């Protein structure tokens, strides 16, 4: 199996997080522009756009880094998978080579 280097995984997590933040903020701004008087519709537009962006990011970066996009999720992956050996290794969690 091809081993993906740590710097590639970190770069994928950084780019995925940046793109997710951009999608959430951008969809919020666009929802306000599209429906200025209907807050419920704004929330629907924002949540649908965010969900679709997250799906695209997971499909894109999942094979490289697992697409966690959140350090708490990475820590939970290590914690829950440490007994069975299926989660992240402690050296990958801390970012050490």
PDB file of N, CA and C in Angstrom:
ATOM      1  N   UNK A   1       0.838  -1.177   0.000  1.00  0.00           N
ATOM      2  CA  UNK A   1       0.000   0.000   0.000  1.00  0.00           C
ATOM      3  C   UNK A   1       0.884   1.242   0.000  1.00  0.00           C
ATOM      4  N   UNK A   2       0.483   2.241  -0.751  1.00  0.00           N
ATOM      5  CA  UNK A   2       1.236   3.476  -0.865  1.00  0.00           C
ATOM      6  C   UNK A   2       1.066   4.304   0.404  1.00  0.00           C
ATOM      7  N   UNK A   3       2.180   4.637   1.052  1.00  0.00           N
ATOM      8  CA  UNK A   3       2.150   5.422   2.272  1.00  0.00           C
ATOM      9  C   UNK A   3       2.141   6.912   1.936  1.00  0.00           C
ATOM     10  N   UNK A   4       1.134   7.635   2.402  1.00  0.00           N
ATOM     11  CA  UNK A   4       1.034   9.068   2.159  1.00  0.00           C
ATOM     12  C   UNK A   4       1.821   9.783   3.259  1.00  0.00           C
ATOM     13  N   UNK A   5       2.684  10.698   2.862  1.00  0.00           N
ATOM     14  CA  UNK A   5       3.547  11.371   3.825  1.00  0.00           C
ATOM     15  C   UNK A   5       2.742  12.312   4.712  1.00  0.00           C
ATOM     16  N   UNK A   6       3.323  12.590   5.874  1.00  0.00           N
ATOM     17  CA  UNK A   6       2.657  13.436   6.861  1.00  0.00           C
ATOM     18  C   UNK A   6       2.399  14.831   6.319  1.00  0.00           C
ATOM     19  N   UNK A   7       3.343  15.407   5.599  1.00  0.00           N
ATOM     20  CA  UNK A   7       3.149  16.770   5.119  1.00  0.00           C
ATOM     21  C   UNK A   7       2.002  16.851   4.111  1.00  0.00           C
ATOM     22  N   UNK A   8       1.795  15.792   3.341  1.00  0.00           N
ATOM     23  CA  UNK A   8       0.662  15.790   2.400  1.00  0.00           C
ATOM     24  C   UNK A   8      -0.668  15.706   3.140  1.00  0.00           C
ATOM     25  N   UNK A   9      -0.706  14.910   4.198  1.00  0.00           N
ATOM     26  CA  UNK A   9      -1.928  14.817   4.992  1.00  0.00           C
ATOM     27  C   UNK A   9      -2.227  16.142   5.688  1.00  0.00           C
ATOM     28  N   UNK A  10      -1.189  16.770   6.236  1.00  0.00           N
ATOM     29  CA  UNK A  10      -1.385  18.066   6.890  1.00  0.00           C
ATOM     30  C   UNK A  10      -1.837  19.132   5.899  1.00  0.00           C
ATOM     31  N   UNK A  11      -1.253  19.129   4.713  1.00  0.00           N
ATOM     32  CA  UNK A  11      -1.656  20.086   3.684  1.00  0.00           C
ATOM     33  C   UNK A  11      -3.106  19.859   3.263  1.00  0.00           C
ATOM     34  N   UNK A  12      -3.492  18.600   3.112  1.00  0.00           N
ATOM     35  CA  UNK A  12      -4.875  18.288   2.744  1.00  0.00           C
ATOM     36  C   UNK A  12      -5.847  18.753   3.828  1.00  0.00           C
ATOM     37  N   UNK A  13      -5.493  18.543   5.099  1.00  0.00           N
ATOM     38  CA  UNK A  13      -6.354  18.999   6.199  1.00  0.00           C
ATOM     39  C   UNK A  13      -6.450  20.521   6.223  1.00  0.00           C
ATOM     40  N   UNK A  14      -5.321  21.200   6.014  1.00  0.00           N
ATOM     41  CA  UNK A  14      -5.325  22.667   6.013  1.00  0.00           C
ATOM     42  C   UNK A  14      -6.182  23.211   4.872  1.00  0.00           C
ATOM     43  N   UNK A  15      -5.975  22.688   3.664  1.00  0.00           N
ATOM     44  CA  UNK A  15      -6.754  23.160   2.515  1.00  0.00           C
ATOM     45  C   UNK A  15      -8.233  22.839   2.672  1.00  0.00           C
ATOM     46  N   UNK A  16      -8.542  21.642   3.168  1.00  0.00           N
ATOM     47  CA  UNK A  16      -9.938  21.274   3.378  1.00  0.00           C
ATOM     48  C   UNK A  16     -10.619  22.158   4.392  1.00  0.00           C
ATOM     49  N   UNK A  17      -9.924  22.471   5.481  1.00  0.00           N
ATOM     50  CA  UNK A  17     -10.489  23.349   6.495  1.00  0.00           C
ATOM     51  C   UNK A  17     -10.710  24.748   5.940  1.00  0.00           C
ATOM     52  N   UNK A  18      -9.726  25.267   5.208  1.00  0.00           N
ATOM     53  CA  UNK A  18      -9.859  26.601   4.614  1.00  0.00           C
ATOM     54  C   UNK A  18     -11.018  26.653   3.622  1.00  0.00           C
ATOM     55  N   UNK A  19     -11.156  25.623   2.811  1.00  0.00           N
ATOM     56  CA  UNK A  19     -12.252  25.597   1.836  1.00  0.00           C
ATOM     57  C   UNK A  19     -13.617  25.455   2.520  1.00  0.00           C
ATOM     58  N   UNK A  20     -13.675  24.682   3.596  1.00  0.00           N
ATOM     59  CA  UNK A  20     -14.933  24.534   4.326  1.00  0.00           C
ATOM     60  C   UNK A  20     -15.345  25.854   4.967  1.00  0.00           C
ATOM     61  N   UNK A  21     -14.404  26.563   5.571  1.00  0.00           N
ATOM     62  CA  UNK A  21     -14.712  27.873   6.158  1.00  0.00           C
ATOM     63  C   UNK A  21     -15.179  28.826   5.070  1.00  0.00           C
ATOM     64  N   UNK A  22     -14.511  28.819   3.936  1.00  0.00           N
ATOM     65  CA  UNK A  22     -14.905  29.677   2.818  1.00  0.00           C
ATOM     66  C   UNK A  22     -16.316  29.346   2.339  1.00  0.00           C
ATOM     67  N   UNK A  23     -16.636  28.076   2.260  1.00  0.00           N
ATOM     68  CA  UNK A  23     -17.971  27.665   1.807  1.00  0.00           C
ATOM     69  C   UNK A  23     -19.050  28.092   2.802  1.00  0.00           C
ATOM     70  N   UNK A  24     -18.784  27.939   4.084  1.00  0.00           N
ATOM     71  CA  UNK A  24     -19.780  28.306   5.102  1.00  0.00           C
ATOM     72  C   UNK A  24     -20.007  29.811   5.107  1.00  0.00           C
ATOM     73  N   UNK A  25     -18.933  30.578   5.132  1.00  0.00           N
ATOM     74  CA  UNK A  25     -19.073  32.043   5.156  1.00  0.00           C
ATOM     75  C   UNK A  25     -19.677  32.542   3.844  1.00  0.00           C
ATOM     76  N   UNK A  26     -19.191  32.029   2.731  1.00  0.00           N
ATOM     77  CA  UNK A  26     -19.711  32.459   1.434  1.00  0.00           C
ATOM     78  C   UNK A  26     -21.174  32.118   1.236  1.00  0.00           C
ATOM     79  N   UNK A  27     -21.581  30.938   1.684  1.00  0.00           N
ATOM     80  CA  UNK A  27     -22.995  30.579   1.529  1.00  0.00           C
ATOM     81  C   UNK A  27     -23.869  31.409   2.459  1.00  0.00           C
ATOM     82  N   UNK A  28     -23.352  31.799   3.610  1.00  0.00           N
ATOM     83  CA  UNK A  28     -24.117  32.684   4.503  1.00  0.00           C
ATOM     84  C   UNK A  28     -24.314  34.060   3.900  1.00  0.00           C
ATOM     85  N   UNK A  29     -23.243  34.590   3.317  1.00  0.00           N
ATOM     86  CA  UNK A  29     -23.339  35.905   2.678  1.00  0.00           C
ATOM     87  C   UNK A  29     -24.292  35.849   1.484  1.00  0.00           C
ATOM     88  N   UNK A  30     -24.178  34.802   0.690  1.00  0.00           N
ATOM     89  CA  UNK A  30     -25.035  34.685  -0.491  1.00  0.00           C
ATOM     90  C   UNK A  30     -26.492  34.476  -0.107  1.00  0.00           C
ATOM     91  N   UNK A  31     -26.741  33.742   0.969  1.00  0.00           N
ATOM     92  CA  UNK A  31     -28.122  33.522   1.412  1.00  0.00           C
ATOM     93  C   UNK A  31     -28.768  34.836   1.824  1.00  0.00           C
ATOM     94  N   UNK A  32     -28.014  35.702   2.475  1.00  0.00           N
ATOM     95  CA  UNK A  32     -28.552  37.014   2.872  1.00  0.00           C
ATOM     96  C   UNK A  32     -28.865  37.843   1.630  1.00  0.00           C
ATOM     97  N   UNK A  33     -28.017  37.745   0.610  1.00  0.00           N
ATOM     98  CA  UNK A  33     -28.266  38.493  -0.626  1.00  0.00           C
ATOM     99  C   UNK A  33     -29.478  37.951  -1.390  1.00  0.00           C
ATOM    100  N   UNK A  34     -29.645  36.621  -1.391  1.00  0.00           N
ATOM    101  CA  UNK A  34     -30.738  36.020  -2.149  1.00  0.00           C
ATOM    102  C   UNK A  34     -32.097  36.181  -1.472  1.00  0.00           C
ATOM    103  N   UNK A  35     -32.114  36.111  -0.145  1.00  0.00           N
ATOM    104  CA  UNK A  35     -33.381  36.158   0.605  1.00  0.00           C
ATOM    105  C   UNK A  35     -33.245  37.118   1.786  1.00  0.00           C
ATOM    106  N   UNK A  36     -33.244  38.407   1.512  1.00  0.00           N
ATOM    107  CA  UNK A  36     -32.962  39.361   2.590  1.00  0.00           C
ATOM    108  C   UNK A  36     -34.027  39.424   3.687  1.00  0.00           C
ATOM    109  N   UNK A  37     -35.249  39.026   3.408  1.00  0.00           N
ATOM    110  CA  UNK A  37     -36.327  39.171   4.388  1.00  0.00           C
ATOM    111  C   UNK A  37     -36.791  37.862   5.004  1.00  0.00           C
ATOM    112  N   UNK A  38     -36.191  36.740   4.649  1.00  0.00           N
ATOM    113  CA  UNK A  38     -36.660  35.444   5.138  1.00  0.00           C
ATOM    114  C   UNK A  38     -35.498  34.675   5.783  1.00  0.00           C
ATOM    115  N   UNK A  39     -35.410  34.768   7.118  1.00  0.00           N
ATOM    116  CA  UNK A  39     -34.311  34.150   7.838  1.00  0.00           C
ATOM    117  C   UNK A  39     -34.357  32.623   7.734  1.00  0.00           C
ATOM    118  N   UNK A  40     -35.546  32.046   7.746  1.00  0.00           N
ATOM    119  CA  UNK A  40     -35.671  30.594   7.633  1.00  0.00           C
ATOM    120  C   UNK A  40     -35.134  30.086   6.312  1.00  0.00           C
ATOM    121  N   UNK A  41     -35.434  30.794   5.248  1.00  0.00           N
ATOM    122  CA  UNK A  41     -34.921  30.406   3.932  1.00  0.00           C
ATOM    123  C   UNK A  41     -33.404  30.596   3.862  1.00  0.00           C
ATOM    124  N   UNK A  42     -32.901  31.634   4.512  1.00  0.00           N
ATOM    125  CA  UNK A  42     -31.457  31.841   4.563  1.00  0.00           C
ATOM    126  C   UNK A  42     -30.758  30.663   5.241  1.00  0.00           C
ATOM    127  N   UNK A  43     -31.312  30.199   6.347  1.00  0.00           N
ATOM    128  CA  UNK A  43     -30.734  29.059   7.056  1.00  0.00           C
ATOM    129  C   UNK A  43     -30.757  27.801   6.196  1.00  0.00           C
ATOM    130  N   UNK A  44     -31.862  27.597   5.484  1.00  0.00           N
ATOM    131  CA  UNK A  44     -31.961  26.439   4.594  1.00  0.00           C
ATOM    132  C   UNK A  44     -30.916  26.515   3.478  1.00  0.00           C
ATOM    133  N   UNK A  45     -30.798  27.682   2.857  1.00  0.00           N
ATOM    134  CA  UNK A  45     -29.824  27.844   1.779  1.00  0.00           C
ATOM    135  C   UNK A  45     -28.399  27.632   2.291  1.00  0.00           C
ATOM    136  N   UNK A  46     -28.099  28.196   3.449  1.00  0.00           N
ATOM    137  CA  UNK A  46     -26.764  28.063   4.013  1.00  0.00           C
ATOM    138  C   UNK A  46     -26.454  26.608   4.369  1.00  0.00           C
ATOM    139  N   UNK A  47     -27.408  25.926   4.978  1.00  0.00           N
ATOM    140  CA  UNK A  47     -27.150  24.540   5.394  1.00  0.00           C
ATOM    141  C   UNK A  47     -27.017  23.596   4.202  1.00  0.00           C
ATOM    142  N   UNK A  48     -27.818  23.782   3.180  1.00  0.00           N
ATOM    143  CA  UNK A  48     -27.725  22.920   1.992  1.00  0.00           C
ATOM    144  C   UNK A  48     -26.388  23.143   1.276  1.00  0.00           C
ATOM    145  N   UNK A  49     -26.009  24.412   1.107  1.00  0.00           N
ATOM    146  CA  UNK A  49     -24.731  24.700   0.443  1.00  0.00           C
ATOM    147  C   UNK A  49     -23.559  24.164   1.256  1.00  0.00           C
ATOM    148  N   UNK A  50     -23.615  24.292   2.576  1.00  0.00           N
ATOM    149  CA  UNK A  50     -22.552  23.787   3.437  1.00  0.00           C
ATOM    150  C   UNK A  50     -22.462  22.264   3.365  1.00  0.00           C
ATOM    151  N   UNK A  51     -23.596  21.587   3.385  1.00  0.00           N
ATOM    152  CA  UNK A  51     -23.604  20.121   3.311  1.00  0.00           C
ATOM    153  C   UNK A  51     -23.025  19.630   1.986  1.00  0.00           C
ATOM    154  N   UNK A  52     -23.391  20.273   0.904  1.00  0.00           N
ATOM    155  CA  UNK A  52     -22.863  19.870  -0.398  1.00  0.00           C
ATOM    156  C   UNK A  52     -21.365  20.140  -0.504  1.00  0.00           C
ATOM    157  N   UNK A  53     -20.925  21.271   0.021  1.00  0.00           N
ATOM    158  CA  UNK A  53     -19.491  21.574   0.011  1.00  0.00           C
ATOM    159  C   UNK A  53     -18.723  20.573   0.869  1.00  0.00           C
ATOM    160  N   UNK A  54     -19.272  20.225   2.024  1.00  0.00           N
ATOM    161  CA  UNK A  54     -18.609  19.255   2.893  1.00  0.00           C
ATOM    162  C   UNK A  54     -18.518  17.889   2.226  1.00  0.00           C
ATOM    163  N   UNK A  55     -19.559  17.477   1.545  1.00  0.00           N
ATOM    164  CA  UNK A  55     -19.520  16.195   0.817  1.00  0.00           C
ATOM    165  C   UNK A  55     -18.432  16.215  -0.257  1.00  0.00           C
ATOM    166  N   UNK A  56     -18.346  17.297  -0.997  1.00  0.00           N
ATOM    167  CA  UNK A  56     -17.318  17.402  -2.035  1.00  0.00           C
ATOM    168  C   UNK A  56     -15.920  17.389  -1.427  1.00  0.00           C
ATOM    169  N   UNK A  57     -15.734  18.067  -0.304  1.00  0.00           N
ATOM    170  CA  UNK A  57     -14.422  18.092   0.344  1.00  0.00           C
ATOM    171  C   UNK A  57     -14.042  16.734   0.913  1.00  0.00           C
ATOM    172  N   UNK A  58     -14.999  16.030   1.480  1.00  0.00           N
ATOM    173  CA  UNK A  58     -14.724  14.695   2.011  1.00  0.00           C
ATOM    174  C   UNK A  58     -14.344  13.739   0.882  1.00  0.00           C
ATOM    175  N   UNK A  59     -15.056  13.813  -0.233  1.00  0.00           N
ATOM    176  CA  UNK A  59     -14.713  12.959  -1.372  1.00  0.00           C
ATOM    177  C   UNK A  59     -13.346  13.312  -1.951  1.00  0.00           C
ATOM    178  N   UNK A  60     -12.981  14.589  -1.897  1.00  0.00           N
ATOM    179  CA  UNK A  60     -11.705  15.031  -2.453  1.00  0.00           C
ATOM    180  C   UNK A  60     -10.529  14.686  -1.544  1.00  0.00           C
ATOM    181  N   UNK A  61     -10.642  15.033  -0.255  1.00  0.00           N
ATOM    182  CA  UNK A  61      -9.509  14.893   0.650  1.00  0.00           C
ATOM    183  C   UNK A  61      -9.565  13.640   1.514  1.00  0.00           C
ATOM    184  N   UNK A  62     -10.645  12.924   1.499  1.00  0.00           N
ATOM    185  CA  UNK A  62     -10.769  11.718   2.300  1.00  0.00           C
ATOM    186  C   UNK A  62      -9.702  10.675   2.045  1.00  0.00           C
ATOM    187  N   UNK A  63      -9.401  10.355   0.797  1.00  0.00           N
ATOM    188  CA  UNK A  63      -8.367   9.346   0.545  1.00  0.00           C
ATOM    189  C   UNK A  63      -6.961   9.768   0.991  1.00  0.00           C
ATOM    190  N   UNK A  64      -6.719  11.063   1.098  1.00  0.00           N
ATOM    191  CA  UNK A  64      -5.392  11.544   1.472  1.00  0.00           C
ATOM    192  C   UNK A  64      -5.234  11.610   2.983  1.00  0.00           C
ATOM    193  N   UNK A  65      -6.220  12.238   3.662  1.00  0.00           N
ATOM    194  CA  UNK A  65      -6.028  12.524   5.086  1.00  0.00           C
ATOM    195  C   UNK A  65      -7.132  12.004   5.996  1.00  0.00           C
ATOM    196  N   UNK A  66      -8.167  11.429   5.447  1.00  0.00           N
ATOM    197  CA  UNK A  66      -9.291  11.023   6.266  1.00  0.00           C
ATOM    198  C   UNK A  66     -10.356  12.097   6.361  1.00  0.00           C
ATOM    199  N   UNK A  67     -10.041  13.306   5.905  1.00  0.00           N
ATOM    200  CA  UNK A  67     -10.964  14.437   5.844  1.00  0.00           C
ATOM    201  C   UNK A  67     -11.604  14.750   7.185  1.00  0.00           C
ATOM    202  N   UNK A  68     -10.796  14.858   8.223  1.00  0.00           N
ATOM    203  CA  UNK A  68     -11.344  15.194   9.535  1.00  0.00           C
ATOM    204  C   UNK A  68     -11.684  16.669   9.635  1.00  0.00           C
ATOM    205  N   UNK A  69     -10.817  17.544   9.165  1.00  0.00           N
ATOM    206  CA  UNK A  69     -11.001  18.997   9.168  1.00  0.00           C
ATOM    207  C   UNK A  69     -11.212  19.572  10.558  1.00  0.00           C
ATOM    208  N   UNK A  70     -10.893  18.816  11.609  1.00  0.00           N
ATOM    209  CA  UNK A  70     -11.112  19.275  12.973  1.00  0.00           C
ATOM    210  C   UNK A  70     -10.186  18.473  13.890  1.00  0.00           C
ATOM    211  N   UNK A  71      -9.338  19.139  14.654  1.00  0.00           N
ATOM    212  CA  UNK A  71      -8.434  18.399  15.545  1.00  0.00           C
ATOM    213  C   UNK A  71      -9.165  17.529  16.571  1.00  0.00           C
ATOM    214  N   UNK A  72     -10.346  17.945  16.996  1.00  0.00           N
ATOM    215  CA  UNK A  72     -11.107  17.135  17.959  1.00  0.00           C
ATOM    216  C   UNK A  72     -11.545  15.812  17.329  1.00  0.00           C
ATOM    217  N   UNK A  73     -11.873  15.826  16.057  1.00  0.00           N
ATOM    218  CA  UNK A  73     -12.252  14.593  15.367  1.00  0.00           C
ATOM    219  C   UNK A  73     -11.042  13.679  15.228  1.00  0.00           C
ATOM    220  N   UNK A  74      -9.882  14.257  14.950  1.00  0.00           N
ATOM    221  CA  UNK A  74      -8.658  13.458  14.865  1.00  0.00           C
ATOM    222  C   UNK A  74      -8.343  12.812  16.207  1.00  0.00           C
ATOM    223  N   UNK A  75      -8.496  13.576  17.299  1.00  0.00           N
ATOM    224  CA  UNK A  75      -8.249  13.030  18.638  1.00  0.00           C
ATOM    225  C   UNK A  75      -9.241  11.911  18.956  1.00  0.00           C
ATOM    226  N   UNK A  76     -10.492  12.082  18.578  1.00  0.00           N
ATOM    227  CA  UNK A  76     -11.494  11.035  18.812  1.00  0.00           C
ATOM    228  C   UNK A  76     -11.178   9.788  17.986  1.00  0.00           C
ATOM    229  N   UNK A  77     -10.682   9.975  16.767  1.00  0.00           N
ATOM    230  CA  UNK A  77     -10.300   8.841  15.926  1.00  0.00           C
ATOM    231  C   UNK A  77      -9.174   8.050  16.590  1.00  0.00           C
ATOM    232  N   UNK A  78      -8.183   8.750  17.141  1.00  0.00           N
ATOM    233  CA  UNK A  78      -7.104   8.068  17.850  1.00  0.00           C
ATOM    234  C   UNK A  78      -7.646   7.359  19.088  1.00  0.00           C
ATOM    235  N   UNK A  79      -8.455   8.058  19.877  1.00  0.00           N
ATOM    236  CA  UNK A  79      -8.950   7.512  21.140  1.00  0.00           C
ATOM    237  C   UNK A  79      -9.806   6.264  20.920  1.00  0.00           C
ATOM    238  N   UNK A  80     -10.720   6.320  19.975  1.00  0.00           N
ATOM    239  CA  UNK A  80     -11.632   5.201  19.738  1.00  0.00           C
ATOM    240  C   UNK A  80     -10.967   4.040  19.004  1.00  0.00           C
ATOM    241  N   UNK A  81      -9.926   4.312  18.229  1.00  0.00           N
ATOM    242  CA  UNK A  81      -9.298   3.249  17.457  1.00  0.00           C
ATOM    243  C   UNK A  81      -8.005   2.715  18.033  1.00  0.00           C
ATOM    244  N   UNK A  82      -7.618   3.167  19.230  1.00  0.00           N
ATOM    245  CA  UNK A  82      -6.314   2.768  19.768  1.00  0.00           C
ATOM    246  C   UNK A  82      -6.256   1.313  20.180  1.00  0.00           C
ATOM    247  N   UNK A  83      -7.341   0.746  20.651  1.00  0.00           N
ATOM    248  CA  UNK A  83      -7.320  -0.670  21.063  1.00  0.00           C
ATOM    249  C   UNK A  83      -7.304  -1.616  19.871  1.00  0.00           C
ATOM    250  N   UNK A  84      -8.084  -1.281  18.876  1.00  0.00           N
ATOM    251  CA  UNK A  84      -8.156  -2.166  17.711  1.00  0.00           C
ATOM    252  C   UNK A  84      -7.076  -1.846  16.675  1.00  0.00           C
ATOM    253  N   UNK A  85      -6.395  -0.713  16.828  1.00  0.00           N
ATOM    254  CA  UNK A  85      -5.341  -0.342  15.890  1.00  0.00           C
ATOM    255  C   UNK A  85      -5.853   0.224  14.583  1.00  0.00           C
ATOM    256  N   UNK A  86      -7.118   0.652  14.551  1.00  0.00           N
ATOM    257  CA  UNK A  86      -7.695   1.158  13.308  1.00  0.00           C
ATOM    258  C   UNK A  86      -7.644   2.672  13.197  1.00  0.00           C
ATOM    259  N   UNK A  87      -7.421   3.378  14.285  1.00  0.00           N
ATOM    260  CA  UNK A  87      -7.420   4.840  14.267  1.00  0.00           C
ATOM    261  C   UNK A  87      -6.061   5.414  13.928  1.00  0.00           C
ATOM    262  N   UNK A  88      -5.948   6.718  14.107  1.00  0.00           N
ATOM    263  CA  UNK A  88      -4.678   7.394  13.905  1.00  0.00           C
ATOM    264  C   UNK A  88      -3.668   6.919  14.940  1.00  0.00           C
ATOM    265  N   UNK A  89      -2.412   6.947  14.569  1.00  0.00           N
ATOM    266  CA  UNK A  89      -1.335   6.643  15.501  1.00  0.00           C
ATOM    267  C   UNK A  89      -1.025   7.907  16.282  1.00  0.00           C
ATOM    268  N   UNK A  90      -0.489   7.761  17.482  1.00  0.00           N
ATOM    269  CA  UNK A  90      -0.196   8.920  18.330  1.00  0.00           C
ATOM    270  C   UNK A  90       0.820   9.847  17.672  1.00  0.00           C
ATOM    271  N   UNK A  91       1.769   9.294  16.911  1.00  0.00           N
ATOM    272  CA  UNK A  91       2.758  10.154  16.233  1.00  0.00           C
ATOM    273  C   UNK A  91       2.093  10.992  15.148  1.00  0.00           C
ATOM    274  N   UNK A  92       1.066  10.464  14.473  1.00  0.00           N
ATOM    275  CA  UNK A  92       0.347  11.241  13.467  1.00  0.00           C
ATOM    276  C   UNK A  92      -0.553  12.284  14.113  1.00  0.00           C
ATOM    277  N   UNK A  93      -1.089  11.968  15.271  1.00  0.00           N
ATOM    278  CA  UNK A  93      -1.955  12.913  15.975  1.00  0.00           C
ATOM    279  C   UNK A  93      -1.177  14.133  16.416  1.00  0.00           C
ATOM    280  N   UNK A  94       0.037  13.920  16.888  1.00  0.00           N
ATOM    281  CA  UNK A  94       0.866  15.024  17.336  1.00  0.00           C
ATOM    282  C   UNK A  94       1.605  15.741  16.233  1.00  0.00           C
ATOM    283  N   UNK A  95       1.621  15.176  15.040  1.00  0.00           N
ATOM    284  CA  UNK A  95       2.291  15.807  13.904  1.00  0.00           C
ATOM    285  C   UNK A  95       3.783  15.556  13.878  1.00  0.00           C
ATOM    286  N   UNK A  96       4.269  14.590  14.659  1.00  0.00           N
ATOM    287  CA  UNK A  96       5.703  14.317  14.653  1.00  0.00           C
ATOM    288  C   UNK A  96       6.017  13.267  13.586  1.00  0.00           C
ATOM    289  N   UNK A  97       7.164  13.387  12.941  1.00  0.00           N
ATOM    290  CA  UNK A  97       7.504  12.412  11.889  1.00  0.00           C
ATOM    291  C   UNK A  97       7.874  11.048  12.414  1.00  0.00           C
TER     292      UNK A  97
END
